[in-house]
């Protein structure tokens, strides 16, 4: 089950929600607003500039699945 990140367009609250069905209605936990915008996850927007990474560190060379720029090597 994926976890999606949302921001409420009414009160600007950021929250996460486990989504079983993409058709389900998502309500803001603070104001119960139904106008929520899905956000890109931190994993989708991680930069590849060689900075620190909170993810696992794997030893070994080569590009692997991501070309080596994501900090997982």
C-alpha atoms as a PDB file:
ATOM      1  CA  UNK A   1       0.000   0.000   0.000  1.00  0.00           C
ATOM      2  CA  UNK A   2       1.577   3.300  -1.036  1.00  0.00           C
ATOM      3  CA  UNK A   3       1.836   6.292   1.264  1.00  0.00           C
ATOM      4  CA  UNK A   4       1.067   9.591  -0.446  1.00  0.00           C
ATOM      5  CA  UNK A   5       1.954  13.084   0.757  1.00  0.00           C
ATOM      6  CA  UNK A   6      -0.709  15.782   0.502  1.00  0.00           C
ATOM      7  CA  UNK A   7      -1.175  19.475   1.238  1.00  0.00           C
ATOM      8  CA  UNK A   8      -4.611  20.815   2.097  1.00  0.00           C
ATOM      9  CA  UNK A   9      -5.566  23.709  -0.162  1.00  0.00           C
ATOM     10  CA  UNK A  10      -7.859  25.139   2.541  1.00  0.00           C
ATOM     11  CA  UNK A  11      -5.542  25.285   5.608  1.00  0.00           C
ATOM     12  CA  UNK A  12      -2.121  24.454   4.049  1.00  0.00           C
ATOM     13  CA  UNK A  13      -1.596  21.457   6.376  1.00  0.00           C
ATOM     14  CA  UNK A  14       0.853  18.868   5.048  1.00  0.00           C
ATOM     15  CA  UNK A  15       0.027  15.241   5.825  1.00  0.00           C
ATOM     16  CA  UNK A  16       0.597  11.667   4.691  1.00  0.00           C
ATOM     17  CA  UNK A  17      -2.052   9.066   3.969  1.00  0.00           C
ATOM     18  CA  UNK A  18      -1.928   5.350   3.194  1.00  0.00           C
ATOM     19  CA  UNK A  19      -4.025   4.909   0.072  1.00  0.00           C
ATOM     20  CA  UNK A  20      -5.648   1.560  -0.598  1.00  0.00           C
ATOM     21  CA  UNK A  21      -7.685   2.772  -3.561  1.00  0.00           C
ATOM     22  CA  UNK A  22      -6.801   5.865  -5.636  1.00  0.00           C
ATOM     23  CA  UNK A  23     -10.549   6.550  -5.922  1.00  0.00           C
ATOM     24  CA  UNK A  24     -10.991   7.005  -2.152  1.00  0.00           C
ATOM     25  CA  UNK A  25     -11.754  10.497  -0.900  1.00  0.00           C
ATOM     26  CA  UNK A  26      -8.929  12.051   1.142  1.00  0.00           C
ATOM     27  CA  UNK A  27      -9.797  14.440   3.978  1.00  0.00           C
ATOM     28  CA  UNK A  28      -7.416  16.798   5.759  1.00  0.00           C
ATOM     29  CA  UNK A  29      -6.808  15.627   9.352  1.00  0.00           C
ATOM     30  CA  UNK A  30      -6.873  19.231  10.640  1.00  0.00           C
ATOM     31  CA  UNK A  31      -9.864  20.851   8.929  1.00  0.00           C
ATOM     32  CA  UNK A  32     -11.516  17.874   7.165  1.00  0.00           C
ATOM     33  CA  UNK A  33     -11.147  19.731   3.858  1.00  0.00           C
ATOM     34  CA  UNK A  34     -11.539  17.685   0.696  1.00  0.00           C
ATOM     35  CA  UNK A  35      -9.401  19.899  -1.582  1.00  0.00           C
ATOM     36  CA  UNK A  36      -5.987  18.262  -1.218  1.00  0.00           C
ATOM     37  CA  UNK A  37      -3.088  18.370  -3.638  1.00  0.00           C
ATOM     38  CA  UNK A  38      -0.770  15.376  -3.888  1.00  0.00           C
ATOM     39  CA  UNK A  39       2.904  16.265  -3.416  1.00  0.00           C
ATOM     40  CA  UNK A  40       6.040  14.697  -4.831  1.00  0.00           C
ATOM     41  CA  UNK A  41       7.696  12.470  -2.263  1.00  0.00           C
ATOM     42  CA  UNK A  42      11.146  13.204  -0.880  1.00  0.00           C
ATOM     43  CA  UNK A  43      12.443  10.144  -2.722  1.00  0.00           C
ATOM     44  CA  UNK A  44      11.166  11.448  -6.052  1.00  0.00           C
ATOM     45  CA  UNK A  45      12.826  14.840  -5.611  1.00  0.00           C
ATOM     46  CA  UNK A  46      16.174  13.804  -4.069  1.00  0.00           C
ATOM     47  CA  UNK A  47      19.048  15.587  -5.771  1.00  0.00           C
ATOM     48  CA  UNK A  48      22.050  13.784  -7.162  1.00  0.00           C
ATOM     49  CA  UNK A  49      24.746  16.339  -6.346  1.00  0.00           C
ATOM     50  CA  UNK A  50      26.710  13.981  -4.083  1.00  0.00           C
ATOM     51  CA  UNK A  51      25.433  15.543  -0.877  1.00  0.00           C
ATOM     52  CA  UNK A  52      24.532  13.588   2.193  1.00  0.00           C
ATOM     53  CA  UNK A  53      21.857  10.971   1.933  1.00  0.00           C
ATOM     54  CA  UNK A  54      19.661   9.515   4.657  1.00  0.00           C
ATOM     55  CA  UNK A  55      19.155   6.362   2.644  1.00  0.00           C
ATOM     56  CA  UNK A  56      21.215   3.204   2.895  1.00  0.00           C
ATOM     57  CA  UNK A  57      24.812   3.282   1.774  1.00  0.00           C
ATOM     58  CA  UNK A  58      25.982   0.413  -0.391  1.00  0.00           C
ATOM     59  CA  UNK A  59      29.593  -0.250  -1.202  1.00  0.00           C
ATOM     60  CA  UNK A  60      30.673  -1.205  -4.662  1.00  0.00           C
ATOM     61  CA  UNK A  61      31.283   0.521  -7.924  1.00  0.00           C
ATOM     62  CA  UNK A  62      29.427   0.955 -11.117  1.00  0.00           C
ATOM     63  CA  UNK A  63      26.321   2.867 -11.972  1.00  0.00           C
ATOM     64  CA  UNK A  64      23.837   0.307 -10.756  1.00  0.00           C
ATOM     65  CA  UNK A  65      20.215   1.091 -11.330  1.00  0.00           C
ATOM     66  CA  UNK A  66      20.527   4.856 -11.076  1.00  0.00           C
ATOM     67  CA  UNK A  67      23.895   5.759 -12.559  1.00  0.00           C
ATOM     68  CA  UNK A  68      25.539   6.377  -9.191  1.00  0.00           C
ATOM     69  CA  UNK A  69      24.350   9.982  -8.794  1.00  0.00           C
ATOM     70  CA  UNK A  70      21.766   9.417  -6.089  1.00  0.00           C
ATOM     71  CA  UNK A  71      24.116   8.766  -3.170  1.00  0.00           C
ATOM     72  CA  UNK A  72      23.204   5.094  -2.781  1.00  0.00           C
ATOM     73  CA  UNK A  73      26.717   3.992  -3.745  1.00  0.00           C
END
